[in-house]
Protein backbone atom coordinates (compact mmCIF):
# COMPACT_ATOMS: atom_id res chain seq x y z
CA UNK A 1 0.50 1.11 25.08
CA UNK A 2 0.45 -2.22 22.96
CA UNK A 3 -0.03 -1.53 19.28
CA UNK A 4 -3.49 -2.75 17.72
CA UNK A 5 -3.02 -2.29 14.19
CA UNK A 6 -0.32 -2.02 11.65
CA UNK A 7 -0.60 -0.49 8.42
CA UNK A 8 1.67 -1.31 5.19
CA UNK A 9 2.33 1.59 2.97
CA UNK A 10 4.58 1.69 -0.74
CA UNK A 11 4.30 1.77 -4.07
CA UNK A 12 1.78 -0.29 -6.17
CA UNK A 13 3.27 -3.82 -6.51
CA UNK A 14 5.84 -3.46 -3.62
CA UNK A 15 4.25 -6.48 -1.89
CA UNK A 16 2.02 -4.94 0.75
CA UNK A 17 -0.90 -7.39 0.27
CA UNK A 18 1.25 -10.57 -0.06
CA UNK A 19 3.23 -9.77 2.70
CA UNK A 20 0.37 -8.24 4.70
CA UNK A 21 -1.87 -11.61 4.68
CA UNK A 22 1.38 -13.72 5.71
CA UNK A 23 2.00 -11.35 8.52
CA UNK A 24 -1.52 -11.07 9.71
CA UNK A 25 -1.86 -14.72 9.73
CA UNK A 26 1.51 -14.97 11.72
CA UNK A 27 0.39 -12.78 14.26
CA UNK A 28 -3.35 -14.08 14.58
CA UNK A 29 -4.67 -10.76 13.11
CA UNK A 30 -7.07 -9.59 10.70
CA UNK A 31 -5.66 -8.77 7.22
CA UNK A 32 -7.36 -5.71 5.45
CA UNK A 33 -6.50 -4.68 1.69
CA UNK A 34 -8.19 -1.07 1.56
CA UNK A 35 -8.75 -1.13 -2.22
CA UNK A 36 -11.00 -4.29 -1.65
CA UNK A 37 -12.85 -2.47 1.17
CA UNK A 38 -13.24 0.45 -0.96
CA UNK A 39 -14.39 -1.48 -3.98
CA UNK A 40 -17.10 -3.50 -1.92
CA UNK A 41 -18.26 0.03 -0.42
CA UNK A 42 -18.61 1.66 -3.83
CA UNK A 43 -19.49 -1.81 -5.75
CA UNK A 44 -16.82 -1.05 -8.44
CA UNK A 45 -13.66 -1.68 -9.11
CA UNK A 46 -10.29 0.73 -8.45
CA UNK A 47 -9.87 1.27 -12.20
CA UNK A 48 -13.83 1.55 -12.90
CA UNK A 49 -14.07 4.65 -9.84
CA UNK A 50 -10.52 6.35 -11.63
CA UNK A 51 -12.24 6.42 -14.95
CA UNK A 52 -16.01 7.25 -13.86
CA UNK A 53 -15.46 9.47 -11.09
CA UNK A 54 -11.52 10.63 -11.28
CA UNK A 55 -8.58 10.57 -8.87
CA UNK A 56 -9.93 13.30 -6.35
CA UNK A 57 -13.30 11.59 -5.93
CA UNK A 58 -11.42 8.34 -5.55
CA UNK A 59 -8.97 9.68 -2.70
CA UNK A 60 -11.84 11.36 -0.68
CA UNK A 61 -13.75 7.58 -0.80
CA UNK A 62 -10.54 6.22 0.24
CA UNK A 63 -9.84 8.65 3.13
CA UNK A 64 -13.46 7.75 4.57
CA UNK A 65 -12.95 4.35 4.23
CA UNK A 66 -9.25 4.68 5.79
CA UNK A 67 -11.17 6.41 9.01
CA UNK A 68 -13.44 3.15 9.05
CA UNK A 69 -10.75 0.66 8.99
CA UNK A 70 -8.44 2.85 11.57
CA UNK A 71 -10.75 1.84 14.32
CA UNK A 72 -10.46 -2.13 13.69
CA UNK A 73 -8.11 -3.94 16.38
CA UNK A 74 -5.37 -6.46 15.68
CA UNK A 75 -5.33 -5.78 12.43
CA UNK A 76 -2.55 -5.39 9.31
CA UNK A 77 -3.85 -3.04 6.66
CA UNK A 78 -2.51 -3.00 3.11
CA UNK A 79 -2.96 0.82 1.88
CA UNK A 80 -3.31 1.74 -1.50
CA UNK A 81 -0.37 2.94 -3.46
CA UNK A 82 -1.38 6.65 -3.05
CA UNK A 83 -3.29 6.32 0.42
CA UNK A 84 0.18 7.73 2.51
CA UNK A 85 0.10 10.89 0.34
CA UNK A 86 -2.21 13.18 1.79
CA UNK A 87 -1.48 14.91 5.37
CA UNK A 88 -4.95 13.98 6.40
CA UNK A 89 -4.48 10.09 5.77
CA UNK A 90 -1.00 10.51 7.34
CA UNK A 91 -2.55 11.92 10.31
CA UNK A 92 -5.32 8.90 10.91
CA UNK A 93 -2.69 6.39 10.48
CA UNK A 94 0.02 7.89 12.69
CA UNK A 95 -2.79 8.54 15.59
CA UNK A 96 -4.37 5.08 15.25
CA UNK A 97 -1.43 2.62 14.92
CA UNK A 98 1.66 2.07 13.38
CA UNK A 99 3.08 2.22 9.68
CA UNK A 100 5.91 0.20 7.65
CA UNK A 101 6.90 1.08 4.26
CA UNK A 102 7.58 -1.91 2.28
CA UNK A 103 10.36 -0.29 -0.12
CA UNK A 104 11.05 -1.53 -3.81
CA UNK A 105 13.12 -0.71 -6.94
CA UNK A 106 11.32 0.73 -9.96
CA UNK A 107 12.62 -2.22 -12.03
CA UNK A 108 11.24 -4.92 -9.24
CA UNK A 109 7.89 -2.91 -9.03
CA UNK A 110 7.91 -2.94 -13.40
CA UNK A 111 8.59 -6.84 -13.16
CA UNK A 112 5.52 -7.62 -10.59
CA UNK A 113 3.26 -5.07 -12.52
CA UNK A 114 4.09 -5.78 -16.15
CA UNK A 115 1.15 -8.00 -16.90
CA UNK A 116 -1.37 -6.65 -14.71
CA UNK A 117 -4.43 -4.48 -16.51
CA UNK A 118 -5.94 -3.22 -13.38
CA UNK A 119 -3.85 -0.62 -12.12
CA UNK A 120 -5.05 2.67 -13.31
CA UNK A 121 -1.84 4.58 -12.83
CA UNK A 122 0.23 2.10 -14.77
CA UNK A 123 -1.71 2.92 -17.93
CA UNK A 124 -1.23 5.81 -20.41
CA UNK A 125 -3.76 8.56 -20.73
CA UNK A 126 -5.21 6.61 -23.91
CA UNK A 127 -5.48 3.45 -21.48
CA UNK A 128 -3.09 1.12 -23.44
CA UNK A 129 -0.30 -0.48 -21.72
CA UNK A 130 2.72 1.37 -21.19
CA UNK A 131 6.08 0.36 -23.01
CA UNK A 132 8.82 -0.88 -20.71
CA UNK A 133 10.74 2.73 -20.72
CA UNK A 134 7.32 4.62 -20.49
CA UNK A 135 6.39 2.32 -17.30
CA UNK A 136 10.22 2.45 -15.62
CA UNK A 137 9.85 6.33 -16.10
CA UNK A 138 6.51 6.79 -15.01
CA UNK A 139 7.32 4.49 -11.64
CA UNK A 140 10.35 6.30 -10.95
CA UNK A 141 8.54 9.65 -11.29
CA UNK A 142 5.60 8.63 -9.07
CA UNK A 143 8.06 6.97 -6.64
CA UNK A 144 10.03 10.28 -6.41
CA UNK A 145 7.22 12.14 -5.52
CA UNK A 146 5.62 9.76 -2.95
CA UNK A 147 9.01 9.08 -1.46
CA UNK A 148 8.77 12.02 0.87
CA UNK A 149 5.14 10.81 2.21
CA UNK A 150 6.40 7.18 2.50
CA UNK A 151 9.58 7.92 4.23
CA UNK A 152 7.19 9.21 7.30
CA UNK A 153 6.11 5.67 7.95
CA UNK A 154 7.85 4.52 11.35
CA UNK A 155 9.80 1.70 9.60
CA UNK A 156 11.18 1.80 6.14
CA UNK A 157 11.45 -1.65 5.08
CA UNK A 158 13.35 -2.76 1.72
CA UNK A 159 12.46 -5.78 0.20
CA UNK A 160 14.45 -5.75 -3.03
CA UNK A 161 15.84 -8.94 -4.14
CA UNK A 162 14.76 -10.99 -1.32
CA UNK A 163 12.64 -13.95 -1.36
CA UNK A 164 9.28 -13.99 0.40
CA UNK A 165 10.07 -16.20 3.25
CA UNK A 166 13.15 -14.42 4.56
CA UNK A 167 11.46 -10.75 3.78
CA UNK A 168 8.51 -12.08 5.92
CA UNK A 169 10.78 -13.48 8.60
CA UNK A 170 12.55 -10.25 9.38
CA UNK A 171 9.50 -8.21 9.10
CA UNK A 172 7.81 -9.96 11.74
CA UNK A 173 11.15 -9.95 14.02
CA UNK A 174 11.08 -6.18 13.44
CA UNK A 175 7.58 -5.62 14.22
CA UNK A 176 7.83 -7.63 17.64
CA UNK A 177 11.01 -5.83 18.52
CA UNK A 178 10.03 -2.19 17.38
CA UNK A 179 6.20 -2.13 18.01
CA UNK A 180 5.25 -3.97 21.27
CA UNK A 181 3.30 -6.61 19.95
């Protein structure tokens, strides 16, 4: 059976959206950023949804939007960092396509996110930006908690210390080889 959709999972800042857009363009497929789809549906930013309605409500909305996007064909879908951490979402993904865990080290995540203020899980409870040490600790803890879920992806693909061009080239070759595209 020909693969019709590929889901990119991994921690925030791992490069899912950047890589997803390039891969979709290379394959001639659509690119969907699940967080952007959620923002369109709700009419609020992810940060505002977290702040106003809480993570539990956000995760419920996320699952609903995932169900809708999992029906789109010829699509690369970049998931939010926490999407692939529930059995319900993993089941939706596994039954409708293939998944790739874009794996990155905490230090690389920190470098990519250190100046971003729109990441709700990257802030302290008092909404202040975390220090480098606090951020690395939080990233490491979250990554450790999510790793058992992420590792359920069909492919685990490390992007550490690689330039985007080389990563895309190798990832495209892997997709063709493993997913019957």
